[in-house]
């Protein structure tokens, strides 16, 4: 009786995983190169529509790298070359395995993608931009999220002979809001916003960092 119950439960779990809907946009969090270190090559997004997929490396999503297709745990190119193998970790976590080189040796890189979810909020973009959020990194270190203003000291900018230093902007893909970090006028990294209210903001899929972090409104 116990053995048959285990078999039934295992079958249900496998059917549930294999039948999961992968449609939607998936954002790269970071890459594990197999040496215990995680890296972040910059913005990468995989958009899946039934058995086809598109791969983007620009936040604008205007330039796609490849037209791809999903076949039995593999992502193939139009010429049926293997772009990656994939594994469904759960309904919101997809892991790609891509062959490459690490220290001149063959390696398999693990790319962790997370489903892009609509931001939970009742606020308009303009309302969020007026709020300053404070993130406490430790007992002695804090970071502020301020939007649409120059965050680098004016004297330092002048010494560096730069017109722009560091800015944070609220950006959007579909129904997901992001905090875009810009240095010298160029996007560095964009963090998706899980939820934002007048009292707090929660980010997720932080590159090489925690899955989530929450900053609170500065009084």
N, C-alpha and C. Protein backbone atom coordinates (compact mmCIF):
# COMPACT_ATOMS: atom_id res chain seq x y z
N UNK A 1 0.84 -1.20 0.00
CA UNK A 1 0.00 0.00 0.00
C UNK A 1 0.87 1.26 0.00
N UNK A 2 1.90 1.25 0.86
CA UNK A 2 2.79 2.40 0.96
C UNK A 2 3.53 2.62 -0.36
N UNK A 3 4.01 1.50 -0.97
CA UNK A 3 4.75 1.59 -2.22
C UNK A 3 3.89 2.15 -3.34
N UNK A 4 2.65 1.70 -3.44
CA UNK A 4 1.76 2.19 -4.50
C UNK A 4 1.43 3.66 -4.30
N UNK A 5 1.30 4.10 -3.05
CA UNK A 5 1.03 5.52 -2.76
C UNK A 5 2.18 6.39 -3.23
N UNK A 6 3.42 5.92 -2.95
CA UNK A 6 4.60 6.68 -3.36
C UNK A 6 4.66 6.80 -4.88
N UNK A 7 4.35 5.70 -5.57
CA UNK A 7 4.37 5.71 -7.04
C UNK A 7 3.35 6.70 -7.59
N UNK A 8 2.15 6.71 -7.01
CA UNK A 8 1.10 7.62 -7.45
C UNK A 8 1.52 9.07 -7.25
N UNK A 9 2.08 9.37 -6.06
CA UNK A 9 2.50 10.74 -5.76
C UNK A 9 3.63 11.18 -6.68
N UNK A 10 4.58 10.28 -6.94
CA UNK A 10 5.69 10.61 -7.84
C UNK A 10 5.19 10.91 -9.24
N UNK A 11 4.26 10.09 -9.71
CA UNK A 11 3.67 10.30 -11.05
C UNK A 11 2.95 11.64 -11.12
N UNK A 12 2.23 11.99 -10.06
CA UNK A 12 1.51 13.26 -10.03
C UNK A 12 2.47 14.43 -10.09
N UNK A 13 3.57 14.33 -9.35
CA UNK A 13 4.56 15.41 -9.33
C UNK A 13 5.21 15.57 -10.69
N UNK A 14 5.61 14.42 -11.31
CA UNK A 14 6.25 14.48 -12.63
C UNK A 14 5.32 15.04 -13.68
N UNK A 15 4.06 14.63 -13.63
CA UNK A 15 3.09 15.15 -14.59
C UNK A 15 2.87 16.63 -14.40
N UNK A 16 2.87 17.06 -13.13
CA UNK A 16 2.67 18.48 -12.83
C UNK A 16 3.80 19.31 -13.38
N UNK A 17 5.07 18.83 -13.17
CA UNK A 17 6.23 19.57 -13.64
C UNK A 17 6.27 19.62 -15.16
N UNK A 18 6.07 18.45 -15.79
CA UNK A 18 6.17 18.40 -17.25
C UNK A 18 5.05 19.17 -17.92
N UNK A 19 3.93 19.34 -17.22
CA UNK A 19 2.80 20.03 -17.82
C UNK A 19 2.75 21.51 -17.50
N UNK A 20 3.79 22.01 -16.85
CA UNK A 20 3.78 23.42 -16.47
C UNK A 20 3.84 24.31 -17.70
N UNK A 21 3.18 25.43 -17.61
CA UNK A 21 3.14 26.39 -18.70
C UNK A 21 4.38 27.28 -18.64
N UNK A 22 5.23 27.18 -19.64
CA UNK A 22 6.45 27.98 -19.68
C UNK A 22 6.26 29.29 -20.41
N UNK A 23 5.07 29.52 -20.95
CA UNK A 23 4.85 30.74 -21.72
C UNK A 23 5.08 31.99 -20.86
N UNK A 24 5.71 32.97 -21.46
CA UNK A 24 5.96 34.23 -20.76
C UNK A 24 7.42 34.64 -20.89
N UNK A 25 7.78 35.67 -20.15
CA UNK A 25 9.14 36.19 -20.17
C UNK A 25 9.90 35.71 -18.94
N UNK A 26 11.16 35.33 -19.16
CA UNK A 26 12.02 34.80 -18.10
C UNK A 26 13.28 35.65 -18.05
N UNK A 27 13.60 36.17 -16.85
CA UNK A 27 14.74 37.07 -16.67
C UNK A 27 15.92 36.35 -16.04
N UNK A 28 17.10 36.55 -16.60
CA UNK A 28 18.30 35.95 -16.03
C UNK A 28 18.66 36.61 -14.71
N UNK A 29 18.88 35.79 -13.68
CA UNK A 29 19.35 36.30 -12.39
C UNK A 29 20.87 36.27 -12.36
N UNK A 30 21.46 35.09 -12.57
CA UNK A 30 22.91 34.99 -12.61
C UNK A 30 23.32 33.64 -13.21
N UNK A 31 24.62 33.45 -13.33
CA UNK A 31 25.19 32.25 -13.96
C UNK A 31 26.14 31.58 -12.99
N UNK A 32 26.03 30.27 -12.87
CA UNK A 32 26.97 29.47 -12.08
C UNK A 32 27.90 28.77 -13.06
N UNK A 33 29.19 29.08 -12.95
CA UNK A 33 30.17 28.51 -13.89
C UNK A 33 30.73 27.18 -13.42
N UNK A 34 30.24 26.70 -12.28
CA UNK A 34 30.68 25.40 -11.79
C UNK A 34 31.84 25.47 -10.83
N UNK A 35 32.41 26.66 -10.61
CA UNK A 35 33.55 26.78 -9.69
C UNK A 35 33.13 27.39 -8.36
N UNK A 36 31.82 27.43 -8.13
CA UNK A 36 31.33 27.98 -6.87
C UNK A 36 31.04 29.46 -6.92
N UNK A 37 31.43 30.12 -8.01
CA UNK A 37 31.20 31.55 -8.15
C UNK A 37 30.05 31.82 -9.12
N UNK A 38 29.32 32.90 -8.83
CA UNK A 38 28.24 33.30 -9.73
C UNK A 38 28.60 34.60 -10.43
N UNK A 39 28.20 34.68 -11.68
CA UNK A 39 28.49 35.88 -12.45
C UNK A 39 27.24 36.44 -13.10
N UNK A 40 27.35 37.66 -13.60
CA UNK A 40 26.22 38.30 -14.27
C UNK A 40 26.74 39.00 -15.52
N UNK A 41 26.40 38.50 -16.70
CA UNK A 41 26.93 39.06 -17.95
C UNK A 41 26.16 40.28 -18.44
N UNK A 42 25.10 40.66 -17.73
CA UNK A 42 24.25 41.74 -18.18
C UNK A 42 22.85 41.24 -18.48
N UNK A 43 21.98 42.13 -18.88
CA UNK A 43 20.58 41.80 -19.10
C UNK A 43 20.42 40.69 -20.14
N UNK A 44 19.67 39.65 -19.78
CA UNK A 44 19.30 38.59 -20.72
C UNK A 44 17.88 38.15 -20.40
N UNK A 45 17.09 37.99 -21.44
CA UNK A 45 15.70 37.59 -21.24
C UNK A 45 15.30 36.56 -22.29
N UNK A 46 14.59 35.55 -21.83
CA UNK A 46 14.07 34.50 -22.69
C UNK A 46 12.55 34.62 -22.71
N UNK A 47 11.97 34.73 -23.89
CA UNK A 47 10.52 34.79 -24.02
C UNK A 47 10.03 33.53 -24.72
N UNK A 48 9.15 32.81 -24.03
CA UNK A 48 8.66 31.54 -24.55
C UNK A 48 7.19 31.67 -24.95
N UNK A 49 6.86 31.15 -26.12
CA UNK A 49 5.49 31.14 -26.61
C UNK A 49 5.22 29.76 -27.18
N UNK A 50 4.54 28.93 -26.39
CA UNK A 50 4.32 27.52 -26.74
C UNK A 50 5.67 26.82 -26.91
N UNK A 51 6.00 26.37 -28.11
CA UNK A 51 7.25 25.63 -28.30
C UNK A 51 8.34 26.49 -28.96
N UNK A 52 8.07 27.78 -29.13
CA UNK A 52 9.08 28.65 -29.72
C UNK A 52 9.57 29.63 -28.66
N UNK A 53 10.76 30.19 -28.89
CA UNK A 53 11.33 31.12 -27.92
C UNK A 53 12.19 32.16 -28.63
N UNK A 54 12.33 33.30 -27.98
CA UNK A 54 13.22 34.35 -28.47
C UNK A 54 14.12 34.78 -27.33
N UNK A 55 15.34 35.15 -27.66
CA UNK A 55 16.35 35.47 -26.67
C UNK A 55 16.80 36.91 -26.87
N UNK A 56 16.77 37.71 -25.80
CA UNK A 56 17.10 39.13 -25.89
C UNK A 56 18.26 39.48 -24.94
N UNK A 57 19.08 40.42 -25.35
CA UNK A 57 20.18 40.89 -24.50
C UNK A 57 20.13 42.41 -24.30
N UNK A 58 19.01 43.01 -24.69
CA UNK A 58 18.83 44.45 -24.50
C UNK A 58 17.48 44.70 -23.83
N UNK A 59 17.46 45.63 -22.88
CA UNK A 59 16.26 45.91 -22.11
C UNK A 59 15.11 46.37 -23.00
N UNK A 60 15.43 47.03 -24.09
CA UNK A 60 14.40 47.52 -25.00
C UNK A 60 13.64 46.39 -25.69
N UNK A 61 14.22 45.21 -25.71
CA UNK A 61 13.66 44.02 -26.39
C UNK A 61 13.48 44.24 -27.89
N UNK A 62 14.18 45.23 -28.42
CA UNK A 62 14.08 45.52 -29.85
C UNK A 62 14.97 44.59 -30.67
N UNK A 63 16.06 44.15 -30.07
CA UNK A 63 17.01 43.32 -30.80
C UNK A 63 17.02 41.91 -30.20
N UNK A 64 16.60 40.95 -30.98
CA UNK A 64 16.61 39.58 -30.51
C UNK A 64 17.80 38.84 -31.12
N UNK A 65 18.40 37.99 -30.30
CA UNK A 65 19.59 37.28 -30.72
C UNK A 65 19.24 36.05 -31.56
N UNK A 66 18.21 35.34 -31.16
CA UNK A 66 17.93 34.07 -31.83
C UNK A 66 16.44 33.77 -31.87
N UNK A 67 16.03 33.08 -32.91
CA UNK A 67 14.73 32.43 -32.92
C UNK A 67 14.97 30.98 -32.52
N UNK A 68 14.32 30.54 -31.47
CA UNK A 68 14.60 29.23 -30.89
C UNK A 68 13.34 28.39 -30.79
N UNK A 69 13.52 27.10 -30.52
CA UNK A 69 12.38 26.22 -30.30
C UNK A 69 12.70 25.23 -29.19
N UNK A 70 11.66 24.85 -28.43
CA UNK A 70 11.81 23.93 -27.32
C UNK A 70 11.40 22.53 -27.75
N UNK A 71 12.31 21.58 -27.56
CA UNK A 71 12.03 20.19 -27.92
C UNK A 71 12.61 19.25 -26.85
N UNK A 72 11.74 18.63 -26.07
CA UNK A 72 12.13 17.58 -25.13
C UNK A 72 13.33 17.96 -24.26
N UNK A 73 13.18 19.03 -23.50
CA UNK A 73 14.24 19.42 -22.57
C UNK A 73 15.41 20.14 -23.19
N UNK A 74 15.31 20.48 -24.50
CA UNK A 74 16.37 21.19 -25.18
C UNK A 74 15.81 22.44 -25.85
N UNK A 75 16.65 23.45 -25.97
CA UNK A 75 16.32 24.64 -26.74
C UNK A 75 17.21 24.62 -27.97
N UNK A 76 16.58 24.55 -29.14
CA UNK A 76 17.31 24.39 -30.38
C UNK A 76 17.27 25.65 -31.22
N UNK A 77 18.30 25.83 -32.05
CA UNK A 77 18.32 26.92 -33.01
C UNK A 77 17.49 26.52 -34.23
N UNK A 78 17.33 27.44 -35.16
CA UNK A 78 16.55 27.15 -36.37
C UNK A 78 17.21 26.06 -37.21
N UNK A 79 18.53 25.87 -37.02
CA UNK A 79 19.25 24.81 -37.75
C UNK A 79 19.39 23.55 -36.91
N UNK A 80 18.58 23.48 -35.83
CA UNK A 80 18.55 22.31 -34.94
C UNK A 80 19.84 22.10 -34.15
N UNK A 81 20.66 23.14 -34.05
CA UNK A 81 21.80 23.07 -33.14
C UNK A 81 21.32 23.27 -31.70
N UNK A 82 22.06 22.75 -30.74
CA UNK A 82 21.64 22.87 -29.34
C UNK A 82 22.09 24.22 -28.78
N UNK A 83 21.13 25.08 -28.49
CA UNK A 83 21.41 26.36 -27.85
C UNK A 83 21.62 26.13 -26.35
N UNK A 84 20.77 25.28 -25.77
CA UNK A 84 20.87 24.97 -24.34
C UNK A 84 19.99 23.77 -24.02
N UNK A 85 20.29 23.14 -22.92
CA UNK A 85 19.38 22.18 -22.32
C UNK A 85 18.70 22.89 -21.15
N UNK A 86 17.50 22.48 -20.80
CA UNK A 86 16.83 23.18 -19.71
C UNK A 86 16.17 22.21 -18.74
N UNK A 87 15.97 22.73 -17.52
CA UNK A 87 15.31 21.97 -16.47
C UNK A 87 14.35 22.90 -15.75
N UNK A 88 13.13 22.44 -15.54
CA UNK A 88 12.14 23.22 -14.80
C UNK A 88 12.34 22.96 -13.31
N UNK A 89 12.84 23.96 -12.60
CA UNK A 89 13.03 23.82 -11.16
C UNK A 89 11.69 23.92 -10.44
N UNK A 90 10.92 24.94 -10.80
CA UNK A 90 9.53 25.06 -10.36
C UNK A 90 8.82 25.97 -11.35
N UNK A 91 7.58 26.30 -11.10
CA UNK A 91 6.79 27.04 -12.09
C UNK A 91 7.34 28.43 -12.40
N UNK A 92 8.20 28.96 -11.52
CA UNK A 92 8.75 30.29 -11.74
C UNK A 92 10.27 30.31 -11.88
N UNK A 93 10.88 29.13 -11.97
CA UNK A 93 12.34 29.04 -12.01
C UNK A 93 12.74 28.05 -13.10
N UNK A 94 13.49 28.56 -14.07
CA UNK A 94 13.93 27.75 -15.20
C UNK A 94 15.46 27.80 -15.26
N UNK A 95 16.09 26.64 -15.37
CA UNK A 95 17.56 26.61 -15.42
C UNK A 95 18.02 26.10 -16.78
N UNK A 96 18.89 26.88 -17.41
CA UNK A 96 19.47 26.50 -18.70
C UNK A 96 20.89 26.02 -18.49
N UNK A 97 21.28 25.00 -19.24
CA UNK A 97 22.63 24.47 -19.20
C UNK A 97 23.27 24.71 -20.57
N UNK A 98 24.32 25.54 -20.57
CA UNK A 98 24.95 25.93 -21.83
C UNK A 98 26.43 25.58 -21.79
N UNK A 99 26.89 24.87 -22.81
CA UNK A 99 28.31 24.49 -22.90
C UNK A 99 29.18 25.70 -23.17
N UNK A 100 30.35 25.72 -22.53
CA UNK A 100 31.27 26.82 -22.75
C UNK A 100 32.65 26.48 -22.24
N UNK A 101 33.48 27.49 -22.04
CA UNK A 101 34.84 27.32 -21.56
C UNK A 101 35.03 28.12 -20.26
N UNK A 102 35.72 27.50 -19.30
CA UNK A 102 36.09 28.17 -18.06
C UNK A 102 37.55 27.85 -17.76
N UNK A 103 38.38 28.90 -17.74
CA UNK A 103 39.82 28.71 -17.56
C UNK A 103 40.39 27.72 -18.59
N UNK A 104 39.95 27.92 -19.83
CA UNK A 104 40.40 27.11 -20.97
C UNK A 104 39.99 25.64 -20.88
N UNK A 105 39.05 25.34 -20.02
CA UNK A 105 38.55 23.97 -19.91
C UNK A 105 37.06 23.94 -20.25
N UNK A 106 36.63 22.82 -20.82
CA UNK A 106 35.20 22.67 -21.12
C UNK A 106 34.39 22.75 -19.83
N UNK A 107 33.28 23.47 -19.89
CA UNK A 107 32.44 23.63 -18.70
C UNK A 107 30.99 23.75 -19.13
N UNK A 108 30.10 23.44 -18.21
CA UNK A 108 28.67 23.63 -18.44
C UNK A 108 28.20 24.74 -17.50
N UNK A 109 27.72 25.82 -18.08
CA UNK A 109 27.28 26.97 -17.30
C UNK A 109 25.78 26.85 -17.01
N UNK A 110 25.42 27.10 -15.76
CA UNK A 110 24.02 27.04 -15.35
C UNK A 110 23.45 28.47 -15.29
N UNK A 111 22.48 28.72 -16.15
CA UNK A 111 21.83 30.03 -16.23
C UNK A 111 20.49 29.93 -15.49
N UNK A 112 20.33 30.70 -14.43
CA UNK A 112 19.08 30.67 -13.68
C UNK A 112 18.16 31.81 -14.11
N UNK A 113 17.04 31.43 -14.73
CA UNK A 113 16.04 32.40 -15.18
C UNK A 113 14.81 32.31 -14.28
N UNK A 114 14.23 33.47 -14.01
CA UNK A 114 13.01 33.52 -13.19
C UNK A 114 11.90 34.21 -13.97
N UNK A 115 10.71 33.69 -13.78
CA UNK A 115 9.56 34.21 -14.52
C UNK A 115 9.33 35.68 -14.15
N UNK A 116 9.11 36.49 -15.17
CA UNK A 116 8.83 37.91 -14.95
C UNK A 116 7.36 38.05 -14.56
N UNK A 117 7.14 38.61 -13.37
CA UNK A 117 5.78 38.73 -12.83
C UNK A 117 5.33 40.18 -12.84
N UNK A 118 4.04 40.45 -13.03
CA UNK A 118 3.53 41.82 -12.95
C UNK A 118 3.79 42.41 -11.57
N UNK A 119 4.23 43.64 -11.52
CA UNK A 119 4.48 44.31 -10.25
C UNK A 119 3.16 44.54 -9.51
N UNK A 120 3.16 44.22 -8.23
CA UNK A 120 1.99 44.45 -7.38
C UNK A 120 2.06 45.87 -6.85
N UNK A 121 1.15 46.72 -7.26
CA UNK A 121 1.13 48.11 -6.79
C UNK A 121 -0.17 48.79 -7.19
N UNK A 122 -0.51 49.82 -6.44
CA UNK A 122 -1.64 50.69 -6.80
C UNK A 122 -1.12 52.07 -7.19
N UNK A 123 0.21 52.22 -7.17
CA UNK A 123 0.82 53.52 -7.43
C UNK A 123 1.16 53.70 -8.91
N UNK A 124 1.11 54.95 -9.33
CA UNK A 124 1.57 55.28 -10.67
C UNK A 124 3.08 55.50 -10.63
N UNK A 125 3.70 55.38 -11.80
CA UNK A 125 5.14 55.55 -11.90
C UNK A 125 5.59 56.88 -11.29
N UNK A 126 4.84 57.93 -11.57
CA UNK A 126 5.20 59.26 -11.08
C UNK A 126 5.13 59.35 -9.56
N UNK A 127 4.23 58.58 -8.96
CA UNK A 127 4.11 58.58 -7.50
C UNK A 127 5.30 57.87 -6.86
N UNK A 128 5.72 56.77 -7.46
CA UNK A 128 6.86 56.02 -6.93
C UNK A 128 8.12 56.86 -6.99
N UNK A 129 8.26 57.61 -8.07
CA UNK A 129 9.48 58.40 -8.28
C UNK A 129 9.67 59.50 -7.23
N UNK A 130 8.61 59.85 -6.53
CA UNK A 130 8.70 60.90 -5.51
C UNK A 130 9.11 60.36 -4.14
N UNK A 131 9.15 59.03 -4.00
CA UNK A 131 9.45 58.41 -2.71
C UNK A 131 10.92 57.99 -2.67
N UNK A 132 11.56 58.22 -1.51
CA UNK A 132 12.92 57.72 -1.29
C UNK A 132 12.84 56.50 -0.38
N UNK A 133 13.45 55.40 -0.82
CA UNK A 133 13.45 54.17 -0.04
C UNK A 133 14.84 53.92 0.51
N UNK A 134 14.88 53.36 1.71
CA UNK A 134 16.15 53.12 2.40
C UNK A 134 16.33 51.62 2.61
N UNK A 135 17.46 51.08 2.13
CA UNK A 135 17.77 49.66 2.32
C UNK A 135 18.92 49.53 3.29
N UNK A 136 18.70 48.77 4.35
CA UNK A 136 19.72 48.57 5.38
C UNK A 136 20.51 47.31 5.06
N UNK A 137 21.74 47.49 4.57
CA UNK A 137 22.60 46.38 4.20
C UNK A 137 23.18 45.69 5.43
N UNK A 138 23.51 46.49 6.45
CA UNK A 138 24.06 45.98 7.70
C UNK A 138 23.80 47.02 8.78
N UNK A 139 24.37 46.79 9.95
CA UNK A 139 24.18 47.75 11.05
C UNK A 139 24.80 49.11 10.73
N UNK A 140 25.80 49.11 9.88
CA UNK A 140 26.51 50.36 9.60
C UNK A 140 26.32 50.88 8.17
N UNK A 141 25.85 50.03 7.26
CA UNK A 141 25.72 50.44 5.85
C UNK A 141 24.27 50.48 5.39
N UNK A 142 23.92 51.57 4.75
CA UNK A 142 22.58 51.71 4.17
C UNK A 142 22.70 52.26 2.75
N UNK A 143 21.70 51.94 1.94
CA UNK A 143 21.64 52.47 0.58
C UNK A 143 20.30 53.13 0.35
N UNK A 144 20.29 54.22 -0.40
CA UNK A 144 19.04 54.92 -0.70
C UNK A 144 18.65 54.71 -2.15
N UNK A 145 17.35 54.53 -2.37
CA UNK A 145 16.80 54.48 -3.71
C UNK A 145 16.09 55.81 -3.96
N UNK A 146 16.74 56.67 -4.75
CA UNK A 146 16.17 57.94 -5.15
C UNK A 146 16.10 57.94 -6.67
N UNK A 147 15.06 58.55 -7.21
CA UNK A 147 14.83 58.43 -8.64
C UNK A 147 14.91 59.77 -9.37
N UNK A 148 15.42 59.68 -10.60
CA UNK A 148 15.45 60.82 -11.53
C UNK A 148 16.35 61.97 -11.07
N UNK A 149 17.29 61.70 -10.20
CA UNK A 149 18.22 62.75 -9.78
C UNK A 149 19.65 62.22 -9.87
N UNK A 150 20.60 63.14 -10.00
CA UNK A 150 22.00 62.74 -10.02
C UNK A 150 22.42 62.36 -8.60
N UNK A 151 22.95 61.15 -8.45
CA UNK A 151 23.30 60.65 -7.12
C UNK A 151 24.79 60.82 -6.80
N UNK A 152 25.57 61.13 -7.80
CA UNK A 152 27.00 61.35 -7.55
C UNK A 152 27.25 62.79 -7.14
N UNK A 153 28.14 62.99 -6.19
CA UNK A 153 28.48 64.33 -5.70
C UNK A 153 28.96 65.22 -6.86
N UNK A 154 28.47 66.44 -6.86
CA UNK A 154 28.77 67.37 -7.95
C UNK A 154 30.27 67.64 -8.09
N UNK A 155 30.98 67.73 -6.97
CA UNK A 155 32.42 68.00 -7.01
C UNK A 155 33.18 66.82 -7.62
N UNK A 156 32.73 65.60 -7.28
CA UNK A 156 33.37 64.41 -7.84
C UNK A 156 33.14 64.34 -9.35
N UNK A 157 31.91 64.66 -9.76
CA UNK A 157 31.60 64.70 -11.20
C UNK A 157 32.52 65.68 -11.92
N UNK A 158 32.72 66.83 -11.29
CA UNK A 158 33.55 67.87 -11.90
C UNK A 158 35.00 67.41 -12.02
N UNK A 159 35.51 66.76 -10.96
CA UNK A 159 36.89 66.27 -10.98
C UNK A 159 37.07 65.18 -12.03
N UNK A 160 36.03 64.36 -12.21
CA UNK A 160 36.09 63.28 -13.18
C UNK A 160 35.77 63.75 -14.60
N UNK A 161 35.40 65.03 -14.71
CA UNK A 161 35.04 65.65 -15.99
C UNK A 161 33.91 64.89 -16.68
N UNK A 162 32.90 64.56 -15.88
CA UNK A 162 31.73 63.84 -16.39
C UNK A 162 30.48 64.69 -16.26
N UNK A 163 29.58 64.53 -17.22
CA UNK A 163 28.30 65.22 -17.15
C UNK A 163 27.28 64.40 -16.35
N UNK A 164 27.45 63.07 -16.38
CA UNK A 164 26.53 62.18 -15.67
C UNK A 164 27.31 61.18 -14.83
N UNK A 165 26.78 60.88 -13.67
CA UNK A 165 27.41 59.91 -12.79
C UNK A 165 26.52 58.70 -12.58
N UNK A 166 25.68 58.76 -11.55
CA UNK A 166 24.82 57.64 -11.20
C UNK A 166 23.38 58.11 -11.05
N UNK A 167 22.46 57.44 -11.73
CA UNK A 167 21.03 57.73 -11.62
C UNK A 167 20.24 56.44 -11.52
N UNK A 168 19.08 56.53 -10.86
CA UNK A 168 18.14 55.43 -10.81
C UNK A 168 16.84 55.88 -11.45
N UNK A 169 16.31 55.06 -12.36
CA UNK A 169 15.08 55.38 -13.07
C UNK A 169 14.08 54.24 -12.90
N UNK A 170 12.80 54.59 -12.91
CA UNK A 170 11.76 53.57 -12.93
C UNK A 170 11.45 53.23 -14.38
N UNK A 171 11.58 51.95 -14.73
CA UNK A 171 11.36 51.51 -16.10
C UNK A 171 10.31 50.41 -16.11
N UNK A 172 9.96 49.96 -17.31
CA UNK A 172 8.85 49.01 -17.40
C UNK A 172 9.00 48.07 -18.59
N UNK A 173 8.70 46.80 -18.36
CA UNK A 173 8.51 45.82 -19.42
C UNK A 173 7.14 45.18 -19.16
N UNK A 174 6.23 45.34 -20.10
CA UNK A 174 4.86 44.85 -19.93
C UNK A 174 4.28 45.43 -18.63
N UNK A 175 3.90 44.56 -17.69
CA UNK A 175 3.31 45.04 -16.43
C UNK A 175 4.30 44.96 -15.27
N UNK A 176 5.57 44.81 -15.59
CA UNK A 176 6.60 44.72 -14.56
C UNK A 176 7.42 46.01 -14.52
N UNK A 177 7.49 46.61 -13.34
CA UNK A 177 8.33 47.79 -13.15
C UNK A 177 9.73 47.35 -12.73
N UNK A 178 10.72 48.16 -13.10
CA UNK A 178 12.11 47.90 -12.76
C UNK A 178 12.74 49.15 -12.17
N UNK A 179 13.77 48.96 -11.37
CA UNK A 179 14.68 50.05 -11.03
C UNK A 179 15.88 49.90 -11.96
N UNK A 180 16.06 50.88 -12.82
CA UNK A 180 17.20 50.87 -13.73
C UNK A 180 18.35 51.68 -13.15
N UNK A 181 19.51 51.05 -13.02
CA UNK A 181 20.71 51.73 -12.53
C UNK A 181 21.54 52.20 -13.73
N UNK A 182 21.84 53.49 -13.77
CA UNK A 182 22.60 54.06 -14.87
C UNK A 182 23.89 54.67 -14.34
N UNK A 183 24.98 54.37 -15.04
CA UNK A 183 26.27 54.98 -14.73
C UNK A 183 26.82 55.61 -16.00
N UNK A 184 27.17 56.87 -15.90
CA UNK A 184 27.68 57.63 -17.05
C UNK A 184 26.71 57.58 -18.22
N UNK A 185 25.41 57.58 -17.91
CA UNK A 185 24.38 57.61 -18.94
C UNK A 185 24.05 56.27 -19.55
N UNK A 186 24.71 55.20 -19.09
CA UNK A 186 24.46 53.87 -19.65
C UNK A 186 23.87 52.95 -18.58
N UNK A 187 22.90 52.12 -19.01
CA UNK A 187 22.28 51.19 -18.07
C UNK A 187 23.31 50.16 -17.61
N UNK A 188 23.38 50.00 -16.29
CA UNK A 188 24.28 49.01 -15.70
C UNK A 188 23.52 47.72 -15.41
N UNK A 189 22.47 47.82 -14.63
CA UNK A 189 21.65 46.66 -14.30
C UNK A 189 20.25 47.15 -13.96
N UNK A 190 19.25 46.32 -14.20
CA UNK A 190 17.86 46.67 -13.90
C UNK A 190 17.26 45.61 -12.99
N UNK A 191 16.69 46.04 -11.86
CA UNK A 191 16.11 45.12 -10.90
C UNK A 191 14.59 45.11 -11.02
N UNK A 192 13.97 43.95 -11.23
CA UNK A 192 12.51 43.90 -11.29
C UNK A 192 11.90 44.15 -9.92
N UNK A 193 10.78 44.86 -9.91
CA UNK A 193 10.08 45.19 -8.66
C UNK A 193 8.93 44.21 -8.45
N UNK A 194 8.98 43.48 -7.36
CA UNK A 194 7.92 42.53 -7.04
C UNK A 194 6.69 43.26 -6.53
N UNK A 195 6.91 44.20 -5.61
CA UNK A 195 5.79 44.95 -5.01
C UNK A 195 6.30 46.30 -4.54
N UNK A 196 5.47 47.32 -4.68
CA UNK A 196 5.83 48.64 -4.17
C UNK A 196 4.58 49.34 -3.65
N UNK A 197 4.71 49.92 -2.45
CA UNK A 197 3.66 50.73 -1.84
C UNK A 197 4.30 52.05 -1.43
N UNK A 198 3.56 52.86 -0.72
CA UNK A 198 4.14 54.11 -0.21
C UNK A 198 5.09 53.85 0.95
N UNK A 199 5.07 52.63 1.49
CA UNK A 199 5.88 52.31 2.67
C UNK A 199 7.09 51.43 2.37
N UNK A 200 7.05 50.64 1.30
CA UNK A 200 8.19 49.75 1.02
C UNK A 200 8.25 49.40 -0.46
N UNK A 201 9.41 48.89 -0.85
CA UNK A 201 9.60 48.38 -2.21
C UNK A 201 10.38 47.08 -2.11
N UNK A 202 9.91 46.04 -2.81
CA UNK A 202 10.57 44.73 -2.80
C UNK A 202 11.05 44.40 -4.20
N UNK A 203 12.35 44.13 -4.31
CA UNK A 203 12.96 43.74 -5.58
C UNK A 203 13.22 42.24 -5.55
N UNK A 204 13.36 41.62 -6.72
CA UNK A 204 13.65 40.19 -6.75
C UNK A 204 14.61 39.86 -7.89
N UNK A 205 15.09 38.60 -7.87
CA UNK A 205 16.06 38.12 -8.87
C UNK A 205 17.26 39.06 -8.94
N UNK A 206 17.84 39.36 -7.76
CA UNK A 206 18.98 40.26 -7.69
C UNK A 206 20.22 39.54 -8.23
N UNK A 207 20.88 40.06 -9.27
CA UNK A 207 22.05 39.38 -9.83
C UNK A 207 23.12 39.11 -8.78
N UNK A 208 23.56 37.86 -8.69
CA UNK A 208 24.58 37.37 -7.76
C UNK A 208 24.25 37.69 -6.30
N UNK A 209 23.01 38.06 -6.03
CA UNK A 209 22.61 38.41 -4.68
C UNK A 209 21.43 37.59 -4.20
N UNK A 210 20.70 38.10 -3.21
CA UNK A 210 19.55 37.36 -2.67
C UNK A 210 18.41 37.30 -3.67
N UNK A 211 17.49 36.39 -3.44
CA UNK A 211 16.34 36.30 -4.34
C UNK A 211 15.47 37.54 -4.21
N UNK A 212 15.35 38.06 -2.99
CA UNK A 212 14.54 39.26 -2.76
C UNK A 212 15.24 40.18 -1.76
N UNK A 213 14.95 41.47 -1.87
CA UNK A 213 15.34 42.42 -0.83
C UNK A 213 14.27 43.49 -0.75
N UNK A 214 14.08 44.02 0.45
CA UNK A 214 13.04 45.03 0.68
C UNK A 214 13.66 46.29 1.29
N UNK A 215 13.31 47.42 0.71
CA UNK A 215 13.73 48.72 1.25
C UNK A 215 12.47 49.44 1.72
N UNK A 216 12.65 50.26 2.78
CA UNK A 216 11.51 50.93 3.39
C UNK A 216 11.59 52.44 3.20
N UNK A 217 10.45 53.06 3.19
CA UNK A 217 10.35 54.50 2.96
C UNK A 217 11.18 55.27 3.97
N UNK A 218 11.95 56.22 3.48
CA UNK A 218 12.75 57.06 4.35
C UNK A 218 11.87 58.15 4.95
N UNK A 219 11.92 58.25 6.24
CA UNK A 219 11.08 59.25 6.93
C UNK A 219 11.66 60.65 6.76
